[in-house]
Amino acid sequence: MNAPPSAIFHNRRQNEGRHLILFNKPYGVLSQFTDAKLARDTLAPYIPVPGVVAAGRLDRDSEGLLVLTADGALQARIADPRHKLPKTYWVQVEGIPTAVALEQLRRGVLLNDGPTQPAGARPIGEPAALWPRDPPIRHRVAIPTAWLELTLREGRNRQVRRMTAAVGFPTLRLIRYAIGNWTLDELAPGEWREVAAPNERTGGFPQHPKAIRPAR
């Protein structure tokens, strides 16, 4: 009989050193394992691995890459904006952003908690690997939508949504595609895979090739 994913992860972690989990968080799922008060969807049905926690958070109404680890020091390093680990987002906005709006995003936007740091901002087509969202975004027939790729090196509460709203283009859908060199590639919503944690010996972020689907 095959070992469960949690046992596989535990054995590898003991035998090969530190490992991480990359998870494609679906819309409507909290970035935590319990929600005793409101009983909302959590990570628990998707990731049956004991001891891991999310390194940073992703809002319930956002989708995409979440990194989890059982190593507290590594969790802090990934989550702490002082380490400047870039986070890349696919952002569907209402309207077609102008060159002026894109330049504002790149230079920094004044929010109610201060100006944002310079960011990467460029228009993109609809991502080829995009999946349908459940529920779908609200769509007003008379107003077109567009996709942007934003790369930030800081992490404020709902920052991407506030930035696009500040330049006149509200966010309709938000997907985190990458954290540093880790990406969503080959991960469907609700799937996760294990990767080796960065260290001096590997010098990079080698990825385990097989995604694991939730057992439900």
N, C-alpha and C. Protein backbone atom coordinates (compact mmCIF):
# COMPACT_ATOMS: atom_id res chain seq x y z
N MET A 1 0.85 -1.20 0.00
CA MET A 1 0.00 0.00 0.00
C MET A 1 0.88 1.24 0.00
N ASN A 2 0.53 2.23 -0.79
CA ASN A 2 1.32 3.45 -0.88
C ASN A 2 1.19 4.27 0.39
N ALA A 3 2.29 4.92 0.77
CA ALA A 3 2.26 5.79 1.95
C ALA A 3 1.48 7.05 1.63
N PRO A 4 0.77 7.63 2.63
CA PRO A 4 0.05 8.88 2.40
C PRO A 4 1.02 10.02 2.16
N PRO A 5 0.57 11.10 1.50
CA PRO A 5 1.46 12.24 1.22
C PRO A 5 2.13 12.79 2.46
N SER A 6 1.42 12.81 3.61
CA SER A 6 2.02 13.35 4.83
C SER A 6 3.21 12.53 5.28
N ALA A 7 3.13 11.18 5.14
CA ALA A 7 4.24 10.33 5.54
C ALA A 7 5.42 10.50 4.59
N ILE A 8 5.12 10.63 3.29
CA ILE A 8 6.19 10.84 2.31
C ILE A 8 6.94 12.11 2.63
N PHE A 9 6.21 13.17 2.90
CA PHE A 9 6.85 14.45 3.22
C PHE A 9 7.68 14.33 4.49
N HIS A 10 7.15 13.66 5.52
CA HIS A 10 7.87 13.52 6.79
C HIS A 10 9.18 12.76 6.59
N ASN A 11 9.13 11.67 5.83
CA ASN A 11 10.34 10.88 5.62
C ASN A 11 11.39 11.65 4.83
N ARG A 12 10.97 12.35 3.79
CA ARG A 12 11.92 13.13 3.00
C ARG A 12 12.54 14.23 3.83
N ARG A 13 11.72 14.85 4.68
CA ARG A 13 12.23 15.95 5.49
C ARG A 13 13.32 15.46 6.44
N GLN A 14 13.15 14.25 6.99
CA GLN A 14 14.15 13.71 7.90
C GLN A 14 15.41 13.27 7.14
N ASN A 15 15.21 12.68 5.96
CA ASN A 15 16.33 12.10 5.24
C ASN A 15 17.10 13.09 4.38
N GLU A 16 16.44 14.13 3.88
CA GLU A 16 17.08 15.00 2.90
C GLU A 16 17.19 16.45 3.33
N GLY A 17 16.76 16.79 4.54
CA GLY A 17 16.84 18.17 4.98
C GLY A 17 15.54 18.90 4.81
N ARG A 18 15.60 20.21 4.80
CA ARG A 18 14.40 21.03 4.79
C ARG A 18 13.70 20.99 3.44
N HIS A 19 12.36 20.96 3.50
CA HIS A 19 11.57 21.01 2.30
C HIS A 19 10.42 21.99 2.47
N LEU A 20 9.86 22.41 1.37
CA LEU A 20 8.73 23.31 1.34
C LEU A 20 7.59 22.67 0.57
N ILE A 21 6.40 23.21 0.77
CA ILE A 21 5.24 22.84 -0.04
C ILE A 21 4.80 24.06 -0.81
N LEU A 22 4.58 23.89 -2.11
CA LEU A 22 3.98 24.92 -2.95
C LEU A 22 2.54 24.51 -3.22
N PHE A 23 1.62 25.41 -2.95
CA PHE A 23 0.19 25.10 -3.05
C PHE A 23 -0.51 26.15 -3.88
N ASN A 24 -1.37 25.72 -4.78
CA ASN A 24 -2.20 26.63 -5.56
C ASN A 24 -3.53 26.80 -4.82
N LYS A 25 -3.63 27.89 -4.06
CA LYS A 25 -4.79 28.12 -3.21
C LYS A 25 -6.00 28.53 -4.06
N PRO A 26 -7.10 27.80 -3.94
CA PRO A 26 -8.30 28.20 -4.67
C PRO A 26 -8.95 29.45 -4.05
N TYR A 27 -9.79 30.10 -4.82
CA TYR A 27 -10.59 31.21 -4.33
C TYR A 27 -11.48 30.73 -3.17
N GLY A 28 -11.61 31.56 -2.15
CA GLY A 28 -12.50 31.26 -1.04
C GLY A 28 -11.90 30.42 0.06
N VAL A 29 -10.62 30.07 -0.05
CA VAL A 29 -9.94 29.26 0.97
C VAL A 29 -9.03 30.15 1.81
N LEU A 30 -9.10 29.99 3.13
CA LEU A 30 -8.24 30.74 4.02
C LEU A 30 -6.82 30.20 3.98
N SER A 31 -5.85 31.05 4.31
CA SER A 31 -4.44 30.63 4.34
C SER A 31 -4.08 30.08 5.71
N GLN A 32 -4.92 29.25 6.26
CA GLN A 32 -4.71 28.64 7.58
C GLN A 32 -5.46 27.32 7.62
N PHE A 33 -5.20 26.55 8.69
CA PHE A 33 -5.74 25.19 8.75
C PHE A 33 -7.01 25.07 9.58
N THR A 34 -7.39 26.08 10.33
CA THR A 34 -8.60 26.02 11.14
C THR A 34 -9.36 27.34 11.04
N ASP A 35 -10.67 27.24 11.25
CA ASP A 35 -11.53 28.43 11.32
C ASP A 35 -12.73 28.06 12.19
N ALA A 36 -12.46 27.95 13.49
CA ALA A 36 -13.46 27.42 14.41
C ALA A 36 -14.71 28.29 14.50
N LYS A 37 -14.55 29.61 14.37
CA LYS A 37 -15.68 30.51 14.58
C LYS A 37 -16.65 30.51 13.41
N LEU A 38 -16.14 30.61 12.20
CA LEU A 38 -17.01 30.80 11.04
C LEU A 38 -17.10 29.58 10.14
N ALA A 39 -16.26 28.59 10.36
CA ALA A 39 -16.27 27.33 9.59
C ALA A 39 -16.13 27.57 8.09
N ARG A 40 -15.25 28.50 7.70
CA ARG A 40 -14.97 28.73 6.30
C ARG A 40 -13.96 27.69 5.79
N ASP A 41 -13.82 27.61 4.47
CA ASP A 41 -12.88 26.64 3.89
C ASP A 41 -11.46 26.98 4.30
N THR A 42 -10.68 25.95 4.65
CA THR A 42 -9.29 26.13 5.08
C THR A 42 -8.37 25.22 4.28
N LEU A 43 -7.09 25.24 4.63
CA LEU A 43 -6.10 24.40 3.96
C LEU A 43 -6.20 22.92 4.34
N ALA A 44 -6.87 22.63 5.44
CA ALA A 44 -6.84 21.27 5.99
C ALA A 44 -7.25 20.17 5.01
N PRO A 45 -8.32 20.32 4.23
CA PRO A 45 -8.69 19.23 3.32
C PRO A 45 -7.72 19.05 2.15
N TYR A 46 -6.91 20.05 1.89
CA TYR A 46 -6.02 20.02 0.73
C TYR A 46 -4.62 19.50 1.06
N ILE A 47 -4.12 19.81 2.27
CA ILE A 47 -2.72 19.54 2.60
C ILE A 47 -2.67 18.71 3.89
N PRO A 48 -2.69 17.38 3.79
CA PRO A 48 -2.67 16.52 4.98
C PRO A 48 -1.26 16.29 5.51
N VAL A 49 -0.54 17.38 5.73
CA VAL A 49 0.86 17.30 6.17
C VAL A 49 0.97 17.96 7.53
N PRO A 50 1.33 17.22 8.58
CA PRO A 50 1.37 17.82 9.92
C PRO A 50 2.53 18.79 10.08
N GLY A 51 2.28 19.84 10.84
CA GLY A 51 3.35 20.73 11.27
C GLY A 51 3.68 21.87 10.35
N VAL A 52 3.12 21.93 9.14
CA VAL A 52 3.47 23.01 8.23
C VAL A 52 2.51 24.19 8.42
N VAL A 53 3.04 25.38 8.18
CA VAL A 53 2.24 26.60 8.22
C VAL A 53 2.60 27.44 7.01
N ALA A 54 1.72 28.38 6.67
CA ALA A 54 1.96 29.24 5.52
C ALA A 54 3.03 30.27 5.83
N ALA A 55 3.94 30.47 4.89
CA ALA A 55 4.95 31.52 4.99
C ALA A 55 4.39 32.77 4.32
N GLY A 56 3.73 33.60 5.10
CA GLY A 56 2.98 34.71 4.53
C GLY A 56 1.55 34.28 4.30
N ARG A 57 0.74 35.22 3.81
CA ARG A 57 -0.67 34.91 3.64
C ARG A 57 -1.14 35.36 2.25
N LEU A 58 -2.29 34.83 1.91
CA LEU A 58 -2.96 35.20 0.67
C LEU A 58 -4.43 35.35 1.03
N ASP A 59 -5.02 36.49 0.73
CA ASP A 59 -6.38 36.75 1.15
C ASP A 59 -7.35 35.68 0.66
N ARG A 60 -8.44 35.54 1.39
CA ARG A 60 -9.45 34.54 1.04
C ARG A 60 -9.98 34.73 -0.37
N ASP A 61 -10.13 35.99 -0.81
CA ASP A 61 -10.67 36.25 -2.14
C ASP A 61 -9.59 36.36 -3.21
N SER A 62 -8.37 35.94 -2.88
CA SER A 62 -7.29 35.86 -3.86
C SER A 62 -6.95 34.39 -4.10
N GLU A 63 -6.27 34.13 -5.21
CA GLU A 63 -5.92 32.76 -5.59
C GLU A 63 -4.42 32.66 -5.81
N GLY A 64 -3.94 31.43 -5.92
CA GLY A 64 -2.57 31.24 -6.37
C GLY A 64 -1.60 30.72 -5.34
N LEU A 65 -0.33 31.08 -5.55
CA LEU A 65 0.78 30.42 -4.87
C LEU A 65 0.85 30.76 -3.38
N LEU A 66 0.91 29.70 -2.59
CA LEU A 66 1.14 29.79 -1.16
C LEU A 66 2.27 28.82 -0.83
N VAL A 67 3.26 29.30 -0.07
CA VAL A 67 4.40 28.46 0.33
C VAL A 67 4.22 28.08 1.78
N LEU A 68 4.40 26.80 2.08
CA LEU A 68 4.26 26.32 3.45
C LEU A 68 5.52 25.58 3.88
N THR A 69 5.81 25.64 5.16
CA THR A 69 6.99 24.97 5.70
C THR A 69 6.80 24.68 7.18
N ALA A 70 7.55 23.72 7.68
CA ALA A 70 7.57 23.44 9.12
C ALA A 70 8.78 24.08 9.79
N ASP A 71 9.61 24.77 9.02
CA ASP A 71 10.82 25.42 9.53
C ASP A 71 10.50 26.87 9.85
N GLY A 72 10.49 27.22 11.13
CA GLY A 72 10.11 28.56 11.55
C GLY A 72 11.02 29.65 11.01
N ALA A 73 12.33 29.40 11.00
CA ALA A 73 13.26 30.41 10.50
C ALA A 73 13.07 30.63 9.00
N LEU A 74 12.83 29.55 8.27
CA LEU A 74 12.61 29.66 6.84
C LEU A 74 11.29 30.36 6.55
N GLN A 75 10.28 30.05 7.34
CA GLN A 75 8.99 30.73 7.19
C GLN A 75 9.15 32.24 7.34
N ALA A 76 9.89 32.65 8.37
CA ALA A 76 10.09 34.08 8.61
C ALA A 76 10.85 34.74 7.46
N ARG A 77 11.84 34.03 6.94
CA ARG A 77 12.64 34.60 5.86
C ARG A 77 11.82 34.80 4.59
N ILE A 78 10.96 33.84 4.29
CA ILE A 78 10.14 33.95 3.09
C ILE A 78 9.08 35.04 3.25
N ALA A 79 8.50 35.14 4.44
CA ALA A 79 7.39 36.06 4.65
C ALA A 79 7.82 37.49 4.90
N ASP A 80 9.02 37.70 5.43
CA ASP A 80 9.44 39.03 5.86
C ASP A 80 9.80 39.90 4.65
N PRO A 81 9.09 41.03 4.45
CA PRO A 81 9.39 41.90 3.31
C PRO A 81 10.82 42.45 3.31
N ARG A 82 11.48 42.46 4.48
CA ARG A 82 12.85 42.98 4.54
C ARG A 82 13.82 42.14 3.72
N HIS A 83 13.46 40.89 3.44
CA HIS A 83 14.33 40.03 2.64
C HIS A 83 14.13 40.24 1.14
N LYS A 84 13.17 41.10 0.77
CA LYS A 84 13.02 41.55 -0.62
C LYS A 84 12.73 40.41 -1.59
N LEU A 85 12.06 39.36 -1.14
CA LEU A 85 11.72 38.28 -2.05
C LEU A 85 10.57 38.75 -2.94
N PRO A 86 10.79 38.88 -4.25
CA PRO A 86 9.73 39.43 -5.11
C PRO A 86 8.53 38.50 -5.21
N LYS A 87 7.36 39.09 -5.25
CA LYS A 87 6.11 38.34 -5.43
C LYS A 87 5.42 38.87 -6.69
N THR A 88 5.11 37.96 -7.59
CA THR A 88 4.54 38.33 -8.88
C THR A 88 3.07 37.92 -8.93
N TYR A 89 2.23 38.84 -9.39
CA TYR A 89 0.78 38.64 -9.42
C TYR A 89 0.24 38.82 -10.83
N TRP A 90 -0.74 38.00 -11.17
CA TRP A 90 -1.57 38.23 -12.34
C TRP A 90 -2.83 38.94 -11.86
N VAL A 91 -3.12 40.10 -12.43
CA VAL A 91 -4.21 40.92 -11.93
C VAL A 91 -5.16 41.28 -13.07
N GLN A 92 -6.40 40.86 -12.94
CA GLN A 92 -7.42 41.28 -13.90
C GLN A 92 -8.10 42.53 -13.36
N VAL A 93 -8.09 43.58 -14.14
CA VAL A 93 -8.64 44.86 -13.69
C VAL A 93 -9.79 45.29 -14.58
N GLU A 94 -10.62 46.16 -14.03
CA GLU A 94 -11.72 46.74 -14.78
C GLU A 94 -11.22 47.94 -15.56
N GLY A 95 -11.42 47.93 -16.86
CA GLY A 95 -10.91 48.98 -17.71
C GLY A 95 -9.57 48.61 -18.34
N ILE A 96 -9.08 49.46 -19.22
CA ILE A 96 -7.79 49.25 -19.89
C ILE A 96 -6.79 50.25 -19.33
N PRO A 97 -5.82 49.81 -18.52
CA PRO A 97 -4.89 50.75 -17.90
C PRO A 97 -4.11 51.58 -18.93
N THR A 98 -3.97 52.85 -18.63
CA THR A 98 -3.23 53.76 -19.50
C THR A 98 -1.74 53.68 -19.20
N ALA A 99 -0.95 54.24 -20.09
CA ALA A 99 0.50 54.32 -19.86
C ALA A 99 0.79 55.12 -18.59
N VAL A 100 0.00 56.15 -18.34
CA VAL A 100 0.18 56.96 -17.13
C VAL A 100 -0.07 56.13 -15.88
N ALA A 101 -1.13 55.33 -15.88
CA ALA A 101 -1.45 54.49 -14.72
C ALA A 101 -0.35 53.45 -14.48
N LEU A 102 0.16 52.85 -15.54
CA LEU A 102 1.23 51.85 -15.39
C LEU A 102 2.48 52.50 -14.81
N GLU A 103 2.80 53.70 -15.26
CA GLU A 103 3.97 54.39 -14.74
C GLU A 103 3.78 54.75 -13.27
N GLN A 104 2.56 55.09 -12.87
CA GLN A 104 2.30 55.36 -11.46
C GLN A 104 2.54 54.11 -10.62
N LEU A 105 2.08 52.96 -11.10
CA LEU A 105 2.30 51.70 -10.38
C LEU A 105 3.79 51.40 -10.26
N ARG A 106 4.55 51.68 -11.32
CA ARG A 106 5.99 51.40 -11.30
C ARG A 106 6.74 52.31 -10.33
N ARG A 107 6.34 53.58 -10.30
CA ARG A 107 7.06 54.55 -9.47
C ARG A 107 6.65 54.48 -8.00
N GLY A 108 5.41 54.06 -7.75
CA GLY A 108 4.89 54.04 -6.39
C GLY A 108 3.60 54.83 -6.31
N VAL A 109 2.66 54.29 -5.54
CA VAL A 109 1.33 54.89 -5.41
C VAL A 109 1.14 55.33 -3.97
N LEU A 110 0.54 56.49 -3.77
CA LEU A 110 0.28 56.98 -2.42
C LEU A 110 -1.00 56.34 -1.89
N LEU A 111 -0.85 55.51 -0.86
CA LEU A 111 -1.99 54.88 -0.20
C LEU A 111 -2.21 55.53 1.17
N ASN A 112 -3.26 55.12 1.87
CA ASN A 112 -3.54 55.75 3.16
C ASN A 112 -2.52 55.39 4.24
N ASP A 113 -1.69 54.38 4.00
CA ASP A 113 -0.62 54.05 4.94
C ASP A 113 0.76 54.40 4.37
N GLY A 114 0.78 55.32 3.39
CA GLY A 114 2.05 55.79 2.85
C GLY A 114 2.27 55.34 1.43
N PRO A 115 3.31 55.87 0.79
CA PRO A 115 3.60 55.51 -0.60
C PRO A 115 4.14 54.09 -0.72
N THR A 116 3.79 53.43 -1.82
CA THR A 116 4.33 52.10 -2.07
C THR A 116 5.72 52.21 -2.68
N GLN A 117 6.48 51.13 -2.56
CA GLN A 117 7.79 51.08 -3.18
C GLN A 117 7.65 50.89 -4.69
N PRO A 118 8.68 51.24 -5.46
CA PRO A 118 8.63 50.95 -6.90
C PRO A 118 8.32 49.48 -7.16
N ALA A 119 7.54 49.23 -8.20
CA ALA A 119 7.09 47.87 -8.51
C ALA A 119 7.20 47.61 -10.00
N GLY A 120 7.26 46.34 -10.34
CA GLY A 120 7.17 45.97 -11.75
C GLY A 120 5.72 45.98 -12.17
N ALA A 121 5.41 46.55 -13.32
CA ALA A 121 4.03 46.61 -13.81
C ALA A 121 4.04 46.59 -15.33
N ARG A 122 3.36 45.61 -15.92
CA ARG A 122 3.28 45.56 -17.37
C ARG A 122 1.97 44.89 -17.78
N PRO A 123 1.40 45.30 -18.92
CA PRO A 123 0.20 44.64 -19.42
C PRO A 123 0.55 43.27 -20.01
N ILE A 124 -0.33 42.31 -19.82
CA ILE A 124 -0.15 40.97 -20.39
C ILE A 124 -1.48 40.52 -20.97
N GLY A 125 -1.44 39.51 -21.81
CA GLY A 125 -2.66 38.87 -22.26
C GLY A 125 -3.21 37.98 -21.17
N GLU A 126 -4.39 37.46 -21.38
CA GLU A 126 -4.92 36.50 -20.40
C GLU A 126 -3.97 35.33 -20.29
N PRO A 127 -3.53 34.97 -19.06
CA PRO A 127 -2.55 33.89 -18.92
C PRO A 127 -3.03 32.59 -19.55
N ALA A 128 -2.13 31.93 -20.27
CA ALA A 128 -2.49 30.71 -20.99
C ALA A 128 -2.93 29.60 -20.04
N ALA A 129 -2.36 29.58 -18.84
CA ALA A 129 -2.66 28.51 -17.89
C ALA A 129 -3.84 28.85 -16.98
N LEU A 130 -4.59 29.90 -17.30
CA LEU A 130 -5.66 30.36 -16.43
C LEU A 130 -6.78 29.33 -16.33
N TRP A 131 -7.33 29.18 -15.14
CA TRP A 131 -8.44 28.28 -14.88
C TRP A 131 -9.69 29.10 -14.58
N PRO A 132 -10.89 28.54 -14.75
CA PRO A 132 -12.12 29.26 -14.42
C PRO A 132 -12.20 29.49 -12.90
N ARG A 133 -12.70 30.66 -12.52
CA ARG A 133 -12.89 30.93 -11.10
C ARG A 133 -14.31 30.58 -10.70
N ASP A 134 -14.45 30.04 -9.48
CA ASP A 134 -15.76 29.71 -8.94
C ASP A 134 -15.92 30.42 -7.59
N PRO A 135 -16.78 31.46 -7.53
CA PRO A 135 -17.68 31.95 -8.57
C PRO A 135 -16.94 32.84 -9.57
N PRO A 136 -17.53 33.06 -10.74
CA PRO A 136 -16.89 33.94 -11.73
C PRO A 136 -16.85 35.38 -11.22
N ILE A 137 -15.96 36.18 -11.81
CA ILE A 137 -15.90 37.60 -11.48
C ILE A 137 -17.18 38.28 -11.96
N ARG A 138 -17.51 39.41 -11.35
CA ARG A 138 -18.60 40.22 -11.88
C ARG A 138 -18.13 40.82 -13.21
N HIS A 139 -18.99 40.86 -14.16
CA HIS A 139 -18.57 41.36 -15.47
C HIS A 139 -19.63 42.30 -16.00
N ARG A 140 -19.21 43.56 -16.25
CA ARG A 140 -20.12 44.54 -16.83
C ARG A 140 -19.83 44.63 -18.33
N VAL A 141 -20.85 44.34 -19.12
CA VAL A 141 -20.68 44.19 -20.56
C VAL A 141 -20.08 45.44 -21.19
N ALA A 142 -20.46 46.60 -20.68
CA ALA A 142 -20.03 47.86 -21.31
C ALA A 142 -18.61 48.26 -20.94
N ILE A 143 -18.00 47.56 -19.98
CA ILE A 143 -16.66 47.95 -19.53
C ILE A 143 -15.68 46.80 -19.79
N PRO A 144 -14.65 47.02 -20.59
CA PRO A 144 -13.69 45.94 -20.87
C PRO A 144 -12.82 45.66 -19.65
N THR A 145 -12.14 44.54 -19.69
CA THR A 145 -11.18 44.20 -18.63
C THR A 145 -9.81 43.95 -19.26
N ALA A 146 -8.79 43.97 -18.43
CA ALA A 146 -7.43 43.74 -18.90
C ALA A 146 -6.64 43.02 -17.82
N TRP A 147 -5.53 42.40 -18.24
CA TRP A 147 -4.65 41.70 -17.31
C TRP A 147 -3.32 42.45 -17.18
N LEU A 148 -2.84 42.52 -15.95
CA LEU A 148 -1.53 43.09 -15.65
C LEU A 148 -0.69 42.06 -14.92
N GLU A 149 0.62 42.21 -15.04
CA GLU A 149 1.55 41.47 -14.20
C GLU A 149 2.24 42.49 -13.29
N LEU A 150 2.05 42.33 -11.99
CA LEU A 150 2.65 43.22 -11.00
C LEU A 150 3.64 42.43 -10.16
N THR A 151 4.81 43.01 -9.92
CA THR A 151 5.83 42.38 -9.07
C THR A 151 6.18 43.33 -7.93
N LEU A 152 5.93 42.88 -6.70
CA LEU A 152 6.16 43.69 -5.51
C LEU A 152 7.24 43.08 -4.64
N ARG A 153 7.90 43.94 -3.87
CA ARG A 153 8.89 43.47 -2.90
C ARG A 153 8.52 43.91 -1.48
N GLU A 154 7.27 44.23 -1.30
CA GLU A 154 6.75 44.53 0.03
C GLU A 154 5.39 43.85 0.15
N GLY A 155 4.85 43.79 1.35
CA GLY A 155 3.61 43.06 1.54
C GLY A 155 2.69 43.74 2.54
N ARG A 156 1.90 44.68 2.07
CA ARG A 156 0.91 45.32 2.92
C ARG A 156 -0.46 44.64 2.74
N ASN A 157 -1.34 44.92 3.67
CA ASN A 157 -2.66 44.34 3.61
C ASN A 157 -3.38 44.78 2.33
N ARG A 158 -3.79 43.80 1.52
CA ARG A 158 -4.55 44.02 0.29
C ARG A 158 -3.89 45.07 -0.61
N GLN A 159 -2.58 45.01 -0.68
CA GLN A 159 -1.83 46.05 -1.36
C GLN A 159 -2.12 46.13 -2.85
N VAL A 160 -2.13 45.00 -3.55
CA VAL A 160 -2.34 45.04 -5.00
C VAL A 160 -3.70 45.65 -5.31
N ARG A 161 -4.72 45.25 -4.61
CA ARG A 161 -6.07 45.78 -4.85
C ARG A 161 -6.11 47.29 -4.60
N ARG A 162 -5.45 47.73 -3.56
CA ARG A 162 -5.46 49.16 -3.24
C ARG A 162 -4.65 49.95 -4.28
N MET A 163 -3.57 49.37 -4.77
CA MET A 163 -2.76 50.06 -5.77
C MET A 163 -3.52 50.26 -7.08
N THR A 164 -4.15 49.20 -7.57
CA THR A 164 -4.85 49.35 -8.85
C THR A 164 -6.06 50.28 -8.71
N ALA A 165 -6.74 50.22 -7.56
CA ALA A 165 -7.86 51.14 -7.34
C ALA A 165 -7.38 52.59 -7.29
N ALA A 166 -6.20 52.80 -6.69
CA ALA A 166 -5.68 54.16 -6.56
C ALA A 166 -5.37 54.81 -7.90
N VAL A 167 -5.06 54.00 -8.92
CA VAL A 167 -4.79 54.57 -10.25
C VAL A 167 -5.99 54.46 -11.18
N GLY A 168 -7.15 54.07 -10.61
CA GLY A 168 -8.39 54.12 -11.36
C GLY A 168 -8.84 52.84 -12.04
N PHE A 169 -8.21 51.69 -11.67
CA PHE A 169 -8.56 50.43 -12.33
C PHE A 169 -8.74 49.34 -11.28
N PRO A 170 -9.96 49.18 -10.76
CA PRO A 170 -10.20 48.23 -9.68
C PRO A 170 -9.85 46.79 -10.07
N THR A 171 -9.33 46.04 -9.10
CA THR A 171 -9.00 44.64 -9.31
C THR A 171 -10.26 43.78 -9.28
N LEU A 172 -10.42 42.95 -10.29
CA LEU A 172 -11.53 42.00 -10.36
C LEU A 172 -11.11 40.59 -9.95
N ARG A 173 -9.87 40.24 -10.30
CA ARG A 173 -9.36 38.91 -9.97
C ARG A 173 -7.87 39.03 -9.70
N LEU A 174 -7.41 38.33 -8.66
CA LEU A 174 -6.01 38.44 -8.24
C LEU A 174 -5.43 37.05 -8.00
N ILE A 175 -4.36 36.75 -8.74
CA ILE A 175 -3.69 35.45 -8.66
C ILE A 175 -2.21 35.68 -8.40
N ARG A 176 -1.69 35.11 -7.33
CA ARG A 176 -0.24 35.19 -7.12
C ARG A 176 0.42 34.07 -7.92
N TYR A 177 1.24 34.47 -8.87
CA TYR A 177 1.89 33.50 -9.75
C TYR A 177 3.22 33.00 -9.19
N ALA A 178 3.99 33.88 -8.56
CA ALA A 178 5.35 33.48 -8.15
C ALA A 178 5.74 34.17 -6.86
N ILE A 179 6.59 33.47 -6.09
CA ILE A 179 7.29 34.03 -4.95
C ILE A 179 8.76 33.69 -5.17
N GLY A 180 9.57 34.71 -5.42
CA GLY A 180 10.96 34.43 -5.80
C GLY A 180 10.99 33.58 -7.05
N ASN A 181 11.70 32.47 -7.01
CA ASN A 181 11.80 31.56 -8.15
C ASN A 181 10.75 30.46 -8.15
N TRP A 182 9.91 30.41 -7.12
CA TRP A 182 8.84 29.40 -7.07
C TRP A 182 7.64 29.91 -7.83
N THR A 183 7.00 29.04 -8.62
CA THR A 183 5.87 29.46 -9.43
C THR A 183 4.72 28.45 -9.34
N LEU A 184 3.60 28.84 -9.94
CA LEU A 184 2.42 27.98 -10.02
C LEU A 184 2.50 26.96 -11.15
N ASP A 185 3.54 26.98 -11.93
CA ASP A 185 3.60 26.13 -13.12
C ASP A 185 3.25 24.68 -12.79
N GLU A 186 2.34 24.13 -13.57
CA GLU A 186 1.90 22.73 -13.49
C GLU A 186 1.14 22.42 -12.21
N LEU A 187 0.61 23.44 -11.54
CA LEU A 187 -0.22 23.22 -10.36
C LEU A 187 -1.64 23.71 -10.65
N ALA A 188 -2.59 22.80 -10.67
CA ALA A 188 -3.99 23.18 -10.79
C ALA A 188 -4.48 23.67 -9.43
N PRO A 189 -5.58 24.41 -9.39
CA PRO A 189 -6.11 24.85 -8.09
C PRO A 189 -6.36 23.66 -7.16
N GLY A 190 -5.90 23.79 -5.92
CA GLY A 190 -6.06 22.73 -4.94
C GLY A 190 -4.94 21.70 -4.94
N GLU A 191 -3.99 21.79 -5.88
CA GLU A 191 -2.86 20.86 -5.92
C GLU A 191 -1.64 21.46 -5.23
N TRP A 192 -0.77 20.57 -4.75
CA TRP A 192 0.49 21.01 -4.14
C TRP A 192 1.62 20.09 -4.55
N ARG A 193 2.82 20.60 -4.44
CA ARG A 193 4.00 19.78 -4.65
C ARG A 193 5.08 20.18 -3.66
N GLU A 194 5.98 19.27 -3.46
CA GLU A 194 7.09 19.48 -2.53
C GLU A 194 8.31 19.97 -3.30
N VAL A 195 9.06 20.90 -2.71
CA VAL A 195 10.31 21.38 -3.30
C VAL A 195 11.37 21.41 -2.22
N ALA A 196 12.62 21.30 -2.64
CA ALA A 196 13.73 21.42 -1.69
C ALA A 196 13.89 22.88 -1.29
N ALA A 197 14.12 23.11 -0.01
CA ALA A 197 14.35 24.47 0.47
C ALA A 197 15.69 24.98 -0.06
N PRO A 198 15.82 26.29 -0.26
CA PRO A 198 17.09 26.83 -0.75
C PRO A 198 18.20 26.62 0.26
N ASN A 199 19.38 26.30 -0.24
CA ASN A 199 20.55 26.18 0.63
C ASN A 199 21.80 26.41 -0.20
N GLU A 200 22.92 26.51 0.47
CA GLU A 200 24.17 26.82 -0.22
C GLU A 200 24.59 25.72 -1.17
N ARG A 201 24.23 24.49 -0.85
CA ARG A 201 24.69 23.37 -1.68
C ARG A 201 23.98 23.37 -3.03
N THR A 202 22.62 23.56 -3.02
CA THR A 202 21.90 23.51 -4.29
C THR A 202 21.97 24.83 -5.02
N GLY A 203 21.99 25.93 -4.26
CA GLY A 203 22.06 27.24 -4.88
C GLY A 203 20.82 27.62 -5.66
N GLY A 204 19.72 26.88 -5.49
CA GLY A 204 18.52 27.22 -6.25
C GLY A 204 17.29 26.63 -5.62
N PHE A 205 16.25 26.43 -6.41
CA PHE A 205 14.98 25.97 -5.91
C PHE A 205 14.49 24.78 -6.75
N PRO A 206 15.17 23.62 -6.67
CA PRO A 206 14.75 22.48 -7.48
C PRO A 206 13.35 22.04 -7.11
N GLN A 207 12.56 21.64 -8.11
CA GLN A 207 11.17 21.32 -7.87
C GLN A 207 10.91 19.84 -8.06
N HIS A 208 10.05 19.31 -7.17
CA HIS A 208 9.57 17.95 -7.33
C HIS A 208 8.57 17.96 -8.48
N PRO A 209 8.66 17.05 -9.45
CA PRO A 209 7.87 17.17 -10.67
C PRO A 209 6.41 16.82 -10.53
N LYS A 210 5.99 16.17 -9.46
CA LYS A 210 4.62 15.64 -9.41
C LYS A 210 3.77 16.46 -8.46
N ALA A 211 2.65 16.97 -8.98
CA ALA A 211 1.70 17.67 -8.14
C ALA A 211 0.81 16.65 -7.43
N ILE A 212 0.36 16.97 -6.22
CA ILE A 212 -0.47 16.09 -5.43
C ILE A 212 -1.86 16.71 -5.32
N ARG A 213 -2.87 15.94 -5.69
CA ARG A 213 -4.24 16.44 -5.65
C ARG A 213 -4.84 16.20 -4.29
N PRO A 214 -5.79 17.07 -3.85
CA PRO A 214 -6.42 16.87 -2.55
C PRO A 214 -7.25 15.59 -2.54
N ALA A 215 -7.19 14.88 -1.42
CA ALA A 215 -7.92 13.62 -1.29
C ALA A 215 -9.32 13.90 -0.78
N ARG A 216 -10.16 14.39 -1.68
CA ARG A 216 -11.56 14.64 -1.29
C ARG A 216 -12.44 14.67 -2.52
